[in-house]
Amino acid sequence: MIFAIEEINNSTELLPGIKLGYQIHDTCASVLVAAHAAFQLINGQDPVFHKGSNCSRSGLVMGVVGDSSSSASISISRIIGSFNVPLVSFFATCACLSDKQQFPTFFRTIPSDQFQADALAKLVKHFGWTWIGAVRSDSDYGNYGMASFLAAAQREGICVEYSVSLLRTDPLSRIQRVADVIRRSTAMVVVAFTASGDLKALLEVLARDPPPPRQWVGSEGWITDPYLMRYSFCAGAIGVAIQRSVIPGLRDFLLDLSPTEVAASSVLTEFWEDAFNCTLQKNAAPQNRECDGSEDLKMLKSPYTDTSQLRITNMVYKAVYAMAHAIHNAMCQPNNFTTKCEKDIKLELKQVLPQLQKVNFSRNGYPVSFDANGDSVAFYELVNWQKSESGVIELVTVGYYDASLPKGQEFHISRNITWMDGGTQVPVSVCSESCPPGSRKVLQKGKPICCYDCIPCPEGEISNTTDSPDCFPCPSESWPNAQRDACFPKPVEFLSYDEVLAIILAAFSISGTCLAIITAAIFFHHRTTPIVRANNSELSFLLLFSLTLCFLCSLTFIGAPSDWSCMLRHTAFGITFVLCISCVLGKTVVVLMAFKATLPGSNVMKWFGPPQQRMTVVLFTFIQVLICTLWLLLSPPFPMKNLSTYKEKIILECALGSAVGFWAVLGYIGLLAVFCFVLAVLARKLPDNFNEAKLITFSMLIFCAVWLTFIPAYVSSPGKFTVAVEIFAILASSFGLILCIFVPKCFIILFQPEKNCKKSLLDKTKCKK
């Protein structure tokens, strides 16, 4: 401050011809002492500490630079603000001081803790730390700063395991309790929003029994303090710091101390005696060496002579220049190419305060201005405690944080960071490990939101992001993969020709068709023989034709359903089977009528001859055609994707359209089959020469058994097996008919031709050769 004032007093551009003086009051890091000093200042009493005597006008206080403590600055500002005396602080960062309603005359060259809290929260978030511990000074600086940090951390999704406070003046037992909390915690990261002296008291206690490795994150209040760097277990600490600066000429000014100047100042005397381990007092005690004048500040290595880390120092420098510029703008006016200051005018505080709000200049390349709240632009360096090759911890700048940049671009890291224990990998500090895709987070009861369990997604749902709070279902035609982190199209299932089951069924269908055709060929070749002609050969050929169609219609059930195949498969099946049963029914009636015709006086056959038999078949078949036509016109079958039977696949099937139509077709077939079965049973005990009724009875028994079994099997079979059951029923009943009715006759025709004569049919005797 003195260096800046002397620069200003020697300047020809800033306040030319005007001399600034100063008074230095010591607040002793105490709010009470700070309030006392403020009253001394306002009352015009001489300072206890130091006073400069080169003022142009004595007794007129234009402003105050200070204090370093937020609590002290609050007290001073409340007192001197009532008299419109501006207060420019270089180190009071409490966000509460931005309230212009309470502190209208407060300004500061250091950024508000609100910016620092945001920077620290984003720094923690940047490295993925979501589970942290928090330590703060039990002061306005620590309490307000930590409150701002915790609010910012909550917005960033960061959880705090513990938040403790301390002061260096606290009893050792309380500081020990804070140290024990840190030792027992599971959080690997400790954010310390403390003053340097408060943290020093904590680190001294921790040093007696060093805790497990912890990653320290620091505020600007302590992160640049060289005295704290001797605690090796804090190596790797990272934090935000005030920008390092260069003040030309300051080192030479600091080293230019004469013994007279040192002796005149109690603070310089204390510094000198401590630095050189001697005393300036004459006739000192024998154990104290007397300073002999050979002491050389240039050879001294101490924070006083080290100007390589000027940070807060530059804030003081800028604060003095801000006050000077405000006074200059109030007293001086540019005149042509020179600046003229009115020395004789009586400058009032109400003139200085508005000018202080407007200052906007640069000094040594560092801009100085204030916003509406009296705060300066927030710019921080990111600093890291790194061990050198010699094992000494050094402060290394690894990047910066500029609050004026767009959101998300504030951080810039320019070099590698050394972490706790000298590691190069970013430490992990989480309450729970991240939940991988395919699972969701479930909060642990009574714990912060960062503590959770990972639960696999339920069946049919996925999560495709890390730490997903919920799983969401796949679209209706998709299904999760095994990891449940992606949806894939469900496989479409139908009875296709490349499946073993379909190939077997198709083979039986073709075999049945060939069998029917071969049987028809045999019958046609032997159409003049008695066994072919015995029971209306015309109906036999029609029955073989309908059986051929029955075998072939089963093929329409194989393959992907389409509009035409769905309509064809059910109607073709219904009509061909009615045609088949109608023929069997006709043959059964012929057997009964033939027996009646052999009785004396019977004239039955003329009422049920071939024309009547044809009309019966046509009539019964027409009724089924009419049912199928109504079904197709009103609500035909159609292809449908069945999503309900199986969750993991799609069944491509034919919907019935109208269940009434489907069961009407089946019911009509069943009605004819039962009627035919009843007639065949009635004819089963006729004389052996009309024994075809027994074969029909057995075939109808198989037919009815197959279709009675089909109904529950069809209803309960899932997916493509529904189609397979229907095909099996068609093939089984068709094979039952052809094997029971035609195979015995073919056997006689081919292997027992001696029985293929009229006499044999009448009395079971062999035909004469």
Foldseek 3Di string as FASTA:
>chain_A
DVVLQVVQQPDQAFPHPFHDWDADADCVPDLVSLLVVLVCLVVVHHHPFDIGDPGLDPPDQQAEEDDQAQSNCLNSQQRCVVQLHAYEYLHNAQPVLLPCVRRVRYFYAAFHLLVQLLVLLVVCVVLPAQEEEEEFEPGSQGVRSVVSNVVNNVVSNHDYPYYYYDALPDDLVRLLVVLVCVQPDQFQEYEYRYAQSRVVSNLVNCLVPPHPQHAYEYEQRHPPPQVVQVSQSNAQHKYWHFDFDDDPPPLVVLQPDDPVNQVVGPVSQVVVCVQVVAHCDPPDDPVGHHDDPPDGPVPTDDPSNDSRGDGSVVRSSVSVVLQSQLVSVLFWDDDVPRIDGDSPDDDGNVSSSVSSQADWDDDNRRIDHADPSNGDFHKIFMWGFHQDPVRGTDIDTQWMAGPVDDPPPRTDGHDFGQHRPRDRRRDYGFQDDKAAWQWEWDADPPDDPRHTDTGGADFQWTDQDIHHHDTDGDPLQWGADPSRNDTDGFAEDAQACPDPLNVVLLVLLVVQLVLLVVLLVLCVVVVVFCLCPVQPVVLVNQLSVLLNLLSVLLNLRHDFDAFVSQLSSLLSNLLSLQLNLLSLLLSLVSLVQVLQVPDPPDDRCVVNDPVNSVVSSVVSSVVSVVLSVVQCVPFQWGWDWDSPPDVRHTFTDIDRRDPVSRVVSVVSSLVSLVVSLVSLVVSCPPPQLSNLSVLSNQLSVQLNVLVVVLVVCLVPDDGNVNSSSVSVSSSRSSCSNCCSRRVVVVCCVPPVVQCRHPVCSVPVDGHDD
